[in-house]
N, C-alpha and C. Protein backbone atom coordinates (compact mmCIF):
# COMPACT_ATOMS: atom_id res chain seq x y z
N MET A 1 52.89 106.26 162.73
CA MET A 1 54.07 107.09 162.62
C MET A 1 54.05 108.22 163.66
N HIS A 2 52.89 108.86 163.84
CA HIS A 2 52.79 109.96 164.80
C HIS A 2 51.92 109.60 165.99
N ALA A 3 51.49 108.35 166.07
CA ALA A 3 50.68 107.84 167.20
C ALA A 3 49.36 108.58 167.36
N LEU A 4 48.75 108.95 166.25
CA LEU A 4 47.46 109.61 166.29
C LEU A 4 46.44 108.73 165.58
N LYS A 5 45.26 108.60 166.16
CA LYS A 5 44.17 107.90 165.49
C LYS A 5 43.28 108.97 164.87
N VAL A 6 43.06 108.89 163.58
CA VAL A 6 42.30 109.91 162.86
C VAL A 6 41.00 109.30 162.34
N THR A 7 39.91 110.00 162.56
CA THR A 7 38.62 109.62 161.99
C THR A 7 38.16 110.77 161.12
N ALA A 8 38.01 110.51 159.82
CA ALA A 8 37.58 111.55 158.89
C ALA A 8 36.07 111.47 158.68
N VAL A 9 35.43 112.62 158.67
CA VAL A 9 34.00 112.70 158.37
C VAL A 9 33.79 113.77 157.30
N HIS A 10 32.67 113.66 156.59
CA HIS A 10 32.45 114.56 155.47
C HIS A 10 31.30 115.54 155.67
N ASP A 11 30.55 115.37 156.75
CA ASP A 11 29.46 116.31 157.02
C ASP A 11 29.12 116.28 158.51
N SER A 12 28.27 117.20 158.93
CA SER A 12 27.95 117.33 160.35
C SER A 12 27.17 116.13 160.87
N LYS A 13 26.42 115.46 160.01
CA LYS A 13 25.67 114.27 160.45
C LYS A 13 26.64 113.16 160.85
N GLN A 14 27.64 112.89 160.02
CA GLN A 14 28.66 111.90 160.36
C GLN A 14 29.44 112.33 161.60
N PHE A 15 29.72 113.61 161.68
CA PHE A 15 30.47 114.15 162.81
C PHE A 15 29.73 113.92 164.12
N ASP A 16 28.44 114.22 164.14
CA ASP A 16 27.63 114.00 165.35
C ASP A 16 27.58 112.52 165.72
N TYR A 17 27.52 111.65 164.72
CA TYR A 17 27.51 110.21 164.97
C TYR A 17 28.81 109.77 165.64
N VAL A 18 29.94 110.21 165.10
CA VAL A 18 31.24 109.85 165.68
C VAL A 18 31.35 110.37 167.11
N LEU A 19 30.94 111.61 167.34
CA LEU A 19 31.02 112.19 168.68
C LEU A 19 30.17 111.41 169.69
N SER A 20 29.08 110.83 169.24
CA SER A 20 28.22 110.08 170.15
C SER A 20 28.76 108.69 170.44
N ARG A 21 29.69 108.20 169.64
CA ARG A 21 30.19 106.83 169.78
C ARG A 21 31.62 106.71 170.27
N GLU A 22 32.44 107.72 170.04
CA GLU A 22 33.86 107.61 170.34
C GLU A 22 34.34 108.81 171.15
N PRO A 23 35.33 108.59 172.02
CA PRO A 23 35.94 109.75 172.68
C PRO A 23 36.80 110.50 171.66
N VAL A 24 36.72 111.80 171.68
CA VAL A 24 37.46 112.63 170.73
C VAL A 24 38.34 113.57 171.53
N ASP A 25 39.64 113.58 171.22
CA ASP A 25 40.58 114.43 171.94
C ASP A 25 40.82 115.77 171.26
N LEU A 26 40.55 115.85 169.95
CA LEU A 26 40.81 117.06 169.20
C LEU A 26 40.00 117.00 167.91
N VAL A 27 39.54 118.16 167.44
CA VAL A 27 38.78 118.23 166.19
C VAL A 27 39.45 119.24 165.27
N VAL A 28 39.59 118.86 164.00
CA VAL A 28 40.08 119.77 162.97
C VAL A 28 38.91 120.03 162.03
N VAL A 29 38.54 121.30 161.87
CA VAL A 29 37.42 121.68 161.01
C VAL A 29 37.94 122.51 159.85
N ASP A 30 37.67 122.06 158.64
CA ASP A 30 37.98 122.84 157.45
C ASP A 30 36.76 123.71 157.15
N LEU A 31 36.95 125.01 157.10
CA LEU A 31 35.82 125.91 156.86
C LEU A 31 35.24 125.77 155.45
N ASN A 32 35.99 125.19 154.54
CA ASN A 32 35.53 125.02 153.16
C ASN A 32 34.82 123.67 153.02
N LEU A 33 33.62 123.59 153.57
CA LEU A 33 32.88 122.33 153.58
C LEU A 33 31.84 122.23 152.47
N GLY A 34 31.83 123.13 151.56
CA GLY A 34 30.83 123.08 150.50
C GLY A 34 29.50 123.61 150.98
N ARG A 35 28.52 122.72 151.16
CA ARG A 35 27.17 123.14 151.52
C ARG A 35 27.00 123.48 152.99
N GLU A 36 27.92 123.05 153.85
CA GLU A 36 27.76 123.29 155.29
C GLU A 36 28.66 124.43 155.75
N ASP A 37 28.24 125.09 156.81
CA ASP A 37 28.99 126.20 157.37
C ASP A 37 29.92 125.68 158.47
N GLY A 38 31.22 125.74 158.20
CA GLY A 38 32.20 125.27 159.17
C GLY A 38 32.15 126.04 160.47
N LEU A 39 31.85 127.33 160.40
CA LEU A 39 31.76 128.14 161.62
C LEU A 39 30.58 127.70 162.48
N ALA A 40 29.50 127.25 161.87
CA ALA A 40 28.36 126.73 162.64
C ALA A 40 28.75 125.45 163.36
N ILE A 41 29.57 124.63 162.72
CA ILE A 41 30.05 123.40 163.36
C ILE A 41 30.92 123.75 164.56
N VAL A 42 31.80 124.74 164.39
CA VAL A 42 32.66 125.18 165.50
C VAL A 42 31.80 125.69 166.65
N ARG A 43 30.84 126.53 166.36
CA ARG A 43 29.95 127.09 167.39
C ARG A 43 29.20 125.97 168.12
N ASN A 44 28.63 125.06 167.37
CA ASN A 44 27.86 123.96 167.95
C ASN A 44 28.73 123.08 168.85
N LEU A 45 29.91 122.71 168.37
CA LEU A 45 30.80 121.85 169.15
C LEU A 45 31.28 122.56 170.41
N ALA A 46 31.64 123.83 170.29
CA ALA A 46 32.16 124.57 171.44
C ALA A 46 31.13 124.72 172.55
N THR A 47 29.84 124.73 172.20
CA THR A 47 28.81 124.84 173.23
C THR A 47 28.57 123.50 173.92
N LYS A 48 28.92 122.39 173.27
CA LYS A 48 28.68 121.05 173.83
C LYS A 48 29.89 120.45 174.52
N SER A 49 31.09 120.89 174.17
CA SER A 49 32.29 120.19 174.60
C SER A 49 33.45 121.16 174.80
N ASP A 50 34.44 120.70 175.55
CA ASP A 50 35.65 121.50 175.71
C ASP A 50 36.80 120.92 174.89
N VAL A 51 36.48 120.07 173.91
CA VAL A 51 37.50 119.49 173.05
C VAL A 51 38.17 120.60 172.24
N PRO A 52 39.51 120.57 172.11
CA PRO A 52 40.19 121.59 171.30
C PRO A 52 39.75 121.51 169.83
N ILE A 53 39.59 122.67 169.21
CA ILE A 53 39.16 122.75 167.82
C ILE A 53 40.19 123.54 167.04
N ILE A 54 40.79 122.91 166.04
CA ILE A 54 41.71 123.61 165.14
C ILE A 54 40.96 123.85 163.84
N VAL A 55 40.90 125.10 163.42
CA VAL A 55 40.22 125.47 162.18
C VAL A 55 41.27 125.67 161.10
N ILE A 56 41.01 125.10 159.92
CA ILE A 56 41.88 125.33 158.76
C ILE A 56 41.04 125.93 157.64
N SER A 57 41.66 126.81 156.85
CA SER A 57 40.93 127.44 155.75
C SER A 57 41.90 128.02 154.75
N GLY A 58 41.50 127.96 153.49
CA GLY A 58 42.30 128.57 152.43
C GLY A 58 41.65 129.81 151.86
N ASP A 59 40.33 129.89 151.98
CA ASP A 59 39.59 131.02 151.40
C ASP A 59 39.47 132.19 152.35
N ARG A 60 39.26 131.90 153.60
CA ARG A 60 38.93 132.95 154.59
C ARG A 60 40.20 133.38 155.33
N LEU A 61 40.99 134.18 154.68
CA LEU A 61 42.27 134.54 155.27
C LEU A 61 42.28 135.92 155.91
N ASP A 62 41.17 136.63 155.86
CA ASP A 62 41.17 137.94 156.49
C ASP A 62 41.07 137.80 158.01
N GLU A 63 41.54 138.81 158.68
CA GLU A 63 41.60 138.78 160.14
C GLU A 63 40.24 138.57 160.78
N ALA A 64 39.21 139.16 160.22
CA ALA A 64 37.86 139.06 160.80
C ALA A 64 37.39 137.60 160.88
N GLU A 65 37.62 136.83 159.82
CA GLU A 65 37.20 135.42 159.83
C GLU A 65 37.96 134.63 160.89
N LYS A 66 39.25 134.91 161.02
CA LYS A 66 40.05 134.22 162.04
C LYS A 66 39.52 134.55 163.44
N VAL A 67 39.25 135.83 163.66
CA VAL A 67 38.75 136.26 164.97
C VAL A 67 37.40 135.62 165.26
N VAL A 68 36.52 135.57 164.27
CA VAL A 68 35.20 134.95 164.46
C VAL A 68 35.36 133.49 164.86
N ALA A 69 36.21 132.75 164.15
CA ALA A 69 36.43 131.34 164.48
C ALA A 69 36.95 131.17 165.90
N LEU A 70 37.90 132.00 166.28
CA LEU A 70 38.47 131.92 167.63
C LEU A 70 37.44 132.32 168.69
N GLU A 71 36.66 133.35 168.41
CA GLU A 71 35.63 133.79 169.36
C GLU A 71 34.52 132.75 169.53
N LEU A 72 34.25 131.98 168.47
CA LEU A 72 33.21 130.95 168.54
C LEU A 72 33.67 129.72 169.32
N GLY A 73 34.98 129.61 169.57
CA GLY A 73 35.46 128.49 170.37
C GLY A 73 36.63 127.72 169.80
N ALA A 74 37.13 128.12 168.63
CA ALA A 74 38.29 127.44 168.08
C ALA A 74 39.51 127.70 168.96
N THR A 75 40.36 126.70 169.08
CA THR A 75 41.60 126.81 169.84
C THR A 75 42.70 127.46 169.01
N ASP A 76 42.67 127.17 167.70
CA ASP A 76 43.71 127.65 166.80
C ASP A 76 43.12 127.80 165.40
N PHE A 77 43.78 128.60 164.57
CA PHE A 77 43.36 128.82 163.19
C PHE A 77 44.61 128.72 162.33
N ILE A 78 44.58 127.82 161.35
CA ILE A 78 45.74 127.62 160.48
C ILE A 78 45.33 127.91 159.04
N PRO A 79 45.92 128.95 158.42
CA PRO A 79 45.60 129.22 157.01
C PRO A 79 46.33 128.24 156.09
N LYS A 80 45.64 127.85 154.99
CA LYS A 80 46.27 127.01 153.97
C LYS A 80 47.06 127.91 153.04
N PRO A 81 48.11 127.43 152.47
CA PRO A 81 48.73 126.13 152.70
C PRO A 81 49.58 126.15 153.97
N PHE A 82 49.78 124.97 154.54
CA PHE A 82 50.62 124.85 155.73
C PHE A 82 51.42 123.56 155.61
N GLY A 83 52.53 123.52 156.32
CA GLY A 83 53.39 122.34 156.31
C GLY A 83 52.92 121.31 157.34
N MET A 84 53.20 120.06 157.06
CA MET A 84 52.78 118.98 157.95
C MET A 84 53.45 119.08 159.32
N ARG A 85 54.71 119.48 159.37
CA ARG A 85 55.38 119.59 160.67
C ARG A 85 54.73 120.66 161.53
N GLU A 86 54.39 121.80 160.93
CA GLU A 86 53.70 122.86 161.68
C GLU A 86 52.34 122.36 162.16
N PHE A 87 51.61 121.68 161.28
CA PHE A 87 50.28 121.17 161.63
C PHE A 87 50.38 120.20 162.81
N LEU A 88 51.31 119.26 162.76
CA LEU A 88 51.48 118.30 163.86
C LEU A 88 51.92 119.00 165.14
N ALA A 89 52.77 120.01 165.02
CA ALA A 89 53.19 120.76 166.21
C ALA A 89 52.00 121.45 166.87
N ARG A 90 51.13 122.05 166.06
CA ARG A 90 49.95 122.72 166.61
C ARG A 90 48.99 121.71 167.25
N ILE A 91 48.88 120.53 166.67
CA ILE A 91 48.06 119.47 167.27
C ILE A 91 48.62 119.08 168.63
N ARG A 92 49.94 118.88 168.70
CA ARG A 92 50.55 118.51 169.98
C ARG A 92 50.35 119.59 171.03
N VAL A 93 50.47 120.85 170.64
CA VAL A 93 50.25 121.95 171.59
C VAL A 93 48.81 121.93 172.11
N ALA A 94 47.85 121.78 171.22
CA ALA A 94 46.44 121.76 171.63
C ALA A 94 46.16 120.58 172.56
N LEU A 95 46.75 119.43 172.27
CA LEU A 95 46.55 118.26 173.14
C LEU A 95 47.21 118.45 174.50
N ARG A 96 48.40 119.05 174.51
CA ARG A 96 49.08 119.32 175.79
C ARG A 96 48.25 120.28 176.64
N GLN A 97 47.72 121.31 176.02
CA GLN A 97 46.92 122.29 176.76
C GLN A 97 45.66 121.63 177.32
N ARG A 98 45.09 120.71 176.58
CA ARG A 98 43.89 120.03 177.06
C ARG A 98 44.22 119.15 178.26
N ILE A 99 45.32 118.44 178.20
CA ILE A 99 45.70 117.54 179.29
C ILE A 99 45.96 118.33 180.56
N SER A 100 46.56 119.51 180.44
CA SER A 100 46.88 120.30 181.63
C SER A 100 45.71 121.14 182.13
N SER A 101 44.62 121.17 181.38
CA SER A 101 43.45 121.96 181.76
C SER A 101 42.76 121.38 182.99
N PRO A 102 42.38 122.21 183.96
CA PRO A 102 41.67 121.71 185.15
C PRO A 102 40.36 121.01 184.79
N ARG A 103 39.66 121.50 183.77
CA ARG A 103 38.39 120.87 183.37
C ARG A 103 38.63 119.44 182.90
N THR A 104 39.74 119.21 182.16
CA THR A 104 40.02 117.86 181.67
C THR A 104 40.34 116.93 182.82
N ARG A 105 41.10 117.42 183.80
CA ARG A 105 41.44 116.57 184.94
C ARG A 105 40.21 116.18 185.73
N GLU A 106 39.20 117.04 185.73
CA GLU A 106 37.98 116.75 186.47
C GLU A 106 36.97 115.95 185.65
N GLN A 107 37.26 115.77 184.36
CA GLN A 107 36.33 115.06 183.49
C GLN A 107 36.13 113.65 184.02
N ARG A 108 34.89 113.22 184.03
CA ARG A 108 34.59 111.93 184.61
C ARG A 108 34.02 111.02 183.54
N SER A 109 34.93 110.41 182.78
CA SER A 109 34.55 109.46 181.75
C SER A 109 35.47 108.26 181.89
N PHE A 110 34.90 107.08 181.84
CA PHE A 110 35.67 105.87 182.07
C PHE A 110 35.43 104.87 180.95
N ARG A 111 36.47 104.15 180.54
CA ARG A 111 36.36 103.11 179.53
C ARG A 111 36.74 101.78 180.15
N PHE A 112 35.98 100.77 179.79
CA PHE A 112 36.32 99.41 180.20
C PHE A 112 35.81 98.47 179.12
N GLY A 113 36.76 97.81 178.45
CA GLY A 113 36.40 96.95 177.32
C GLY A 113 35.69 97.76 176.25
N ALA A 114 34.55 97.24 175.82
CA ALA A 114 33.75 97.91 174.78
C ALA A 114 32.82 98.97 175.37
N TRP A 115 32.91 99.20 176.68
CA TRP A 115 31.99 100.10 177.37
C TRP A 115 32.63 101.45 177.65
N LYS A 116 31.79 102.50 177.63
CA LYS A 116 32.22 103.84 178.02
C LYS A 116 31.13 104.41 178.93
N LEU A 117 31.56 104.86 180.12
CA LEU A 117 30.65 105.50 181.06
C LEU A 117 31.03 106.97 181.17
N SER A 118 30.09 107.84 180.83
CA SER A 118 30.29 109.27 180.96
C SER A 118 29.42 109.76 182.11
N VAL A 119 30.06 110.05 183.24
CA VAL A 119 29.34 110.52 184.42
C VAL A 119 28.74 111.89 184.13
N LYS A 120 29.51 112.74 183.45
CA LYS A 120 29.05 114.10 183.15
C LYS A 120 27.78 114.08 182.30
N GLN A 121 27.76 113.22 181.27
CA GLN A 121 26.60 113.15 180.38
C GLN A 121 25.57 112.12 180.85
N ARG A 122 25.91 111.37 181.89
CA ARG A 122 25.03 110.32 182.41
C ARG A 122 24.64 109.33 181.32
N ARG A 123 25.70 108.80 180.64
CA ARG A 123 25.48 107.86 179.55
C ARG A 123 26.39 106.66 179.70
N LEU A 124 25.85 105.47 179.43
CA LEU A 124 26.62 104.24 179.37
C LEU A 124 26.44 103.68 177.97
N ILE A 125 27.55 103.52 177.25
CA ILE A 125 27.48 103.11 175.85
C ILE A 125 28.37 101.89 175.64
N CYS A 126 27.80 100.90 174.97
CA CYS A 126 28.55 99.71 174.55
C CYS A 126 28.76 99.82 173.05
N ALA A 127 29.99 99.57 172.60
CA ALA A 127 30.30 99.69 171.18
C ALA A 127 29.44 98.74 170.34
N GLU A 128 29.14 97.55 170.87
CA GLU A 128 28.37 96.58 170.10
C GLU A 128 26.86 96.74 170.25
N ARG A 129 26.41 97.17 171.42
CA ARG A 129 24.97 97.18 171.70
C ARG A 129 24.35 98.57 171.76
N GLY A 130 25.16 99.60 171.73
CA GLY A 130 24.62 100.95 171.80
C GLY A 130 24.45 101.44 173.22
N GLU A 131 23.61 102.44 173.39
CA GLU A 131 23.43 103.09 174.69
C GLU A 131 22.50 102.29 175.59
N VAL A 132 22.89 102.21 176.86
CA VAL A 132 22.07 101.57 177.88
C VAL A 132 21.38 102.68 178.67
N LYS A 133 20.09 102.58 178.83
CA LYS A 133 19.34 103.60 179.57
C LYS A 133 19.70 103.54 181.05
N LEU A 134 20.03 104.69 181.60
CA LEU A 134 20.35 104.80 183.03
C LEU A 134 19.20 105.51 183.73
N THR A 135 18.93 105.12 184.95
CA THR A 135 17.86 105.77 185.71
C THR A 135 18.42 106.51 186.90
């Protein structure tokens, strides 16, 4: 309906697995993760990648929490509750900004069939066989 492919994960271990196997254009992090710290996930991802991060939260509505999330690397912060049209609009904005970013245009990652070559990370990955060691 909206031409978006969504992969849901429930913890940072699953999240790291998905990031190692699939290209990700945008990440939505709910700060209410139970046992895990959503802000730590934002910090960790922002240091590894330039993927846009949208943070959502219902509990942490004070300005300080929003500022912390944005300072750690979040692209946007959406307090709950929110409407689906607003959420999709913010996703489209974040994706547009990423496409027009000079860093994204210089990104050197290529897909061919089941293979993905990341020049930046120096990794060749096959969906069926896993990572191929490069020398």
